[in-house]
Amino acid sequence: MNPQDIVILTPRGRLDAASARPLEAELKQHLADGRVRVIVDLKDTRYIGSNGLRVLLAALKQAKARGGAVKLCCLSPRLIEILEMVGLDCVFEIFATRAEAEASMRRQSERG
């Protein structure tokens, strides 16, 4: 896989203490392998707890440190509300659709 490729992850259900671990492992592996352009499509995610938020924030910091990004898309109104309550709506780039997130990632890559 080309490091410029976009990785798309689609967690399902709840991202809480137990279920955030597989996402964390997957994100860490992609980042360790140099795949630092990640879109997390949350269309099938019903809830994000503090552990899920921590995993996403840690991945964002690691990706940015390596010149990449983690962008979120397809959030339900409830997920947007959760991110707003903890102030992470200003930290993450959030897109209504996966296509919008991918276009943003490509534009960012072209700018270098």
C-alpha atoms as a PDB file:
ATOM      1  CA  MET A   1       0.000   0.000   0.000  1.00  0.00           C
ATOM      2  CA  ASN A   2       1.239   3.431  -0.950  1.00  0.00           C
ATOM      3  CA  PRO A   3       1.721   5.736   2.073  1.00  0.00           C
ATOM      4  CA  GLN A   4      -0.341   8.314   0.168  1.00  0.00           C
ATOM      5  CA  ASP A   5      -3.317   5.958   0.083  1.00  0.00           C
ATOM      6  CA  ILE A   6      -6.254   6.749   2.297  1.00  0.00           C
ATOM      7  CA  VAL A   7      -7.179   4.190   4.942  1.00  0.00           C
ATOM      8  CA  ILE A   8     -10.897   4.017   5.715  1.00  0.00           C
ATOM      9  CA  LEU A   9     -12.028   2.428   8.963  1.00  0.00           C
ATOM     10  CA  THR A  10     -15.686   1.782   9.796  1.00  0.00           C
ATOM     11  CA  PRO A  11     -16.184   0.864  13.449  1.00  0.00           C
ATOM     12  CA  ARG A  12     -19.612  -0.534  14.325  1.00  0.00           C
ATOM     13  CA  GLY A  13     -21.844  -0.287  17.361  1.00  0.00           C
ATOM     14  CA  ARG A  14     -20.335   1.289  20.438  1.00  0.00           C
ATOM     15  CA  LEU A  15     -16.813   2.627  20.939  1.00  0.00           C
ATOM     16  CA  ASP A  16     -16.497   2.179  24.674  1.00  0.00           C
ATOM     17  CA  ALA A  17     -13.939   0.625  27.032  1.00  0.00           C
ATOM     18  CA  ALA A  18     -14.042  -2.865  25.529  1.00  0.00           C
ATOM     19  CA  SER A  19     -14.855  -2.180  21.914  1.00  0.00           C
ATOM     20  CA  ALA A  20     -12.341   0.640  21.385  1.00  0.00           C
ATOM     21  CA  ARG A  21      -9.395  -1.783  21.706  1.00  0.00           C
ATOM     22  CA  PRO A  22      -9.712  -3.379  18.248  1.00  0.00           C
ATOM     23  CA  LEU A  23      -9.968   0.065  16.629  1.00  0.00           C
ATOM     24  CA  GLU A  24      -6.933   1.216  18.604  1.00  0.00           C
ATOM     25  CA  ALA A  25      -4.916  -1.809  17.454  1.00  0.00           C
ATOM     26  CA  GLU A  26      -5.931  -1.266  13.840  1.00  0.00           C
ATOM     27  CA  LEU A  27      -5.090   2.443  13.941  1.00  0.00           C
ATOM     28  CA  LYS A  28      -1.714   1.784  15.575  1.00  0.00           C
ATOM     29  CA  GLN A  29      -0.846  -0.800  12.924  1.00  0.00           C
ATOM     30  CA  HIS A  30      -1.715   1.515  10.034  1.00  0.00           C
ATOM     31  CA  LEU A  31       0.252   4.374  11.565  1.00  0.00           C
ATOM     32  CA  ALA A  32       3.244   2.133  12.329  1.00  0.00           C
ATOM     33  CA  ASP A  33       3.194   1.004   8.696  1.00  0.00           C
ATOM     34  CA  GLY A  34       3.308   4.621   7.518  1.00  0.00           C
ATOM     35  CA  ARG A  35      -0.328   4.874   6.466  1.00  0.00           C
ATOM     36  CA  VAL A  36      -1.059   8.226   8.068  1.00  0.00           C
ATOM     37  CA  ARG A  37      -4.065   9.400   6.047  1.00  0.00           C
ATOM     38  CA  VAL A  38      -7.037   7.897   7.860  1.00  0.00           C
ATOM     39  CA  ILE A  39     -10.761   8.447   7.561  1.00  0.00           C
ATOM     40  CA  VAL A  40     -12.954   7.018  10.296  1.00  0.00           C
ATOM     41  CA  ASP A  41     -16.448   6.498   8.880  1.00  0.00           C
ATOM     42  CA  LEU A  42     -18.806   6.470  11.857  1.00  0.00           C
ATOM     43  CA  LYS A  43     -22.058   5.747  10.022  1.00  0.00           C
ATOM     44  CA  ASP A  44     -22.446   2.425  11.878  1.00  0.00           C
ATOM     45  CA  THR A  45     -21.275   3.734  15.269  1.00  0.00           C
ATOM     46  CA  ARG A  46     -24.041   4.462  17.769  1.00  0.00           C
ATOM     47  CA  TYR A  47     -22.003   5.738  20.714  1.00  0.00           C
ATOM     48  CA  ILE A  48     -18.499   6.939  21.555  1.00  0.00           C
ATOM     49  CA  GLY A  49     -17.307   6.834  25.146  1.00  0.00           C
ATOM     50  CA  SER A  50     -14.206   8.371  26.659  1.00  0.00           C
ATOM     51  CA  ASN A  51     -12.027   5.409  25.619  1.00  0.00           C
ATOM     52  CA  GLY A  52     -13.172   5.698  22.019  1.00  0.00           C
ATOM     53  CA  LEU A  53     -12.481   9.427  22.042  1.00  0.00           C
ATOM     54  CA  ARG A  54      -9.034   8.808  23.535  1.00  0.00           C
ATOM     55  CA  VAL A  55      -8.211   6.299  20.772  1.00  0.00           C
ATOM     56  CA  LEU A  56      -9.270   8.722  18.037  1.00  0.00           C
ATOM     57  CA  LEU A  57      -7.390  11.627  19.619  1.00  0.00           C
ATOM     58  CA  ALA A  58      -4.191   9.603  20.053  1.00  0.00           C
ATOM     59  CA  ALA A  59      -4.368   8.492  16.414  1.00  0.00           C
ATOM     60  CA  LEU A  60      -4.896  12.079  15.285  1.00  0.00           C
ATOM     61  CA  LYS A  61      -1.822  13.250  17.189  1.00  0.00           C
ATOM     62  CA  GLN A  62       0.331  10.427  15.806  1.00  0.00           C
ATOM     63  CA  ALA A  63      -0.876  10.964  12.249  1.00  0.00           C
ATOM     64  CA  LYS A  64      -0.295  14.729  12.408  1.00  0.00           C
ATOM     65  CA  ALA A  65       3.212  14.190  13.792  1.00  0.00           C
ATOM     66  CA  ARG A  66       3.951  12.171  10.653  1.00  0.00           C
ATOM     67  CA  GLY A  67       2.396  14.641   8.222  1.00  0.00           C
ATOM     68  CA  GLY A  68      -0.946  12.870   8.000  1.00  0.00           C
ATOM     69  CA  ALA A  69      -4.444  13.329   9.326  1.00  0.00           C
ATOM     70  CA  VAL A  70      -7.397  11.531  10.875  1.00  0.00           C
ATOM     71  CA  LYS A  71     -10.747  12.809   9.615  1.00  0.00           C
ATOM     72  CA  LEU A  72     -14.210  11.750  10.730  1.00  0.00           C
ATOM     73  CA  CYS A  73     -17.304  11.365   8.587  1.00  0.00           C
ATOM     74  CA  CYS A  74     -20.927  10.257   8.669  1.00  0.00           C
ATOM     75  CA  LEU A  75     -21.551  11.078  12.329  1.00  0.00           C
ATOM     76  CA  SER A  76     -25.067  10.821  13.674  1.00  0.00           C
ATOM     77  CA  PRO A  77     -26.483  13.875  15.470  1.00  0.00           C
ATOM     78  CA  ARG A  78     -25.814  12.049  18.778  1.00  0.00           C
ATOM     79  CA  LEU A  79     -22.122  11.528  17.949  1.00  0.00           C
ATOM     80  CA  ILE A  80     -21.772  15.160  16.905  1.00  0.00           C
ATOM     81  CA  GLU A  81     -23.349  16.150  20.219  1.00  0.00           C
ATOM     82  CA  ILE A  82     -20.834  13.992  22.126  1.00  0.00           C
ATOM     83  CA  LEU A  83     -17.878  15.553  20.302  1.00  0.00           C
ATOM     84  CA  GLU A  84     -19.289  19.038  20.899  1.00  0.00           C
ATOM     85  CA  MET A  85     -19.771  18.359  24.635  1.00  0.00           C
ATOM     86  CA  VAL A  86     -16.091  17.515  25.060  1.00  0.00           C
ATOM     87  CA  GLY A  87     -14.812  20.157  22.640  1.00  0.00           C
ATOM     88  CA  LEU A  88     -13.441  17.727  20.066  1.00  0.00           C
ATOM     89  CA  ASP A  89     -15.640  19.056  17.272  1.00  0.00           C
ATOM     90  CA  CYS A  90     -13.005  21.796  16.966  1.00  0.00           C
ATOM     91  CA  VAL A  91     -10.108  19.328  17.017  1.00  0.00           C
ATOM     92  CA  PHE A  92     -11.256  16.864  14.357  1.00  0.00           C
ATOM     93  CA  GLU A  93     -12.236  17.662  10.806  1.00  0.00           C
ATOM     94  CA  ILE A  94     -15.767  16.299  10.487  1.00  0.00           C
ATOM     95  CA  PHE A  95     -17.511  15.665   7.180  1.00  0.00           C
ATOM     96  CA  ALA A  96     -21.099  14.766   6.363  1.00  0.00           C
ATOM     97  CA  THR A  97     -20.069  12.164   3.769  1.00  0.00           C
ATOM     98  CA  ARG A  98     -17.149   9.860   3.113  1.00  0.00           C
ATOM     99  CA  ALA A  99     -16.716  11.421  -0.338  1.00  0.00           C
ATOM    100  CA  GLU A 100     -16.262  14.874   1.230  1.00  0.00           C
ATOM    101  CA  ALA A 101     -13.682  13.503   3.684  1.00  0.00           C
ATOM    102  CA  GLU A 102     -11.781  11.752   0.877  1.00  0.00           C
ATOM    103  CA  ALA A 103     -11.788  14.914  -1.268  1.00  0.00           C
ATOM    104  CA  SER A 104     -10.451  16.937   1.662  1.00  0.00           C
ATOM    105  CA  MET A 105      -7.726  14.360   2.299  1.00  0.00           C
ATOM    106  CA  ARG A 106      -6.669  14.435  -1.354  1.00  0.00           C
ATOM    107  CA  ARG A 107      -6.571  18.255  -1.414  1.00  0.00           C
ATOM    108  CA  GLN A 108      -4.461  18.253   1.761  1.00  0.00           C
ATOM    109  CA  SER A 109      -2.084  15.717   0.219  1.00  0.00           C
ATOM    110  CA  GLU A 110      -1.707  17.776  -2.970  1.00  0.00           C
ATOM    111  CA  ARG A 111      -0.739  20.824  -0.919  1.00  0.00           C
ATOM    112  CA  GLY A 112       1.942  18.743   0.736  1.00  0.00           C
END
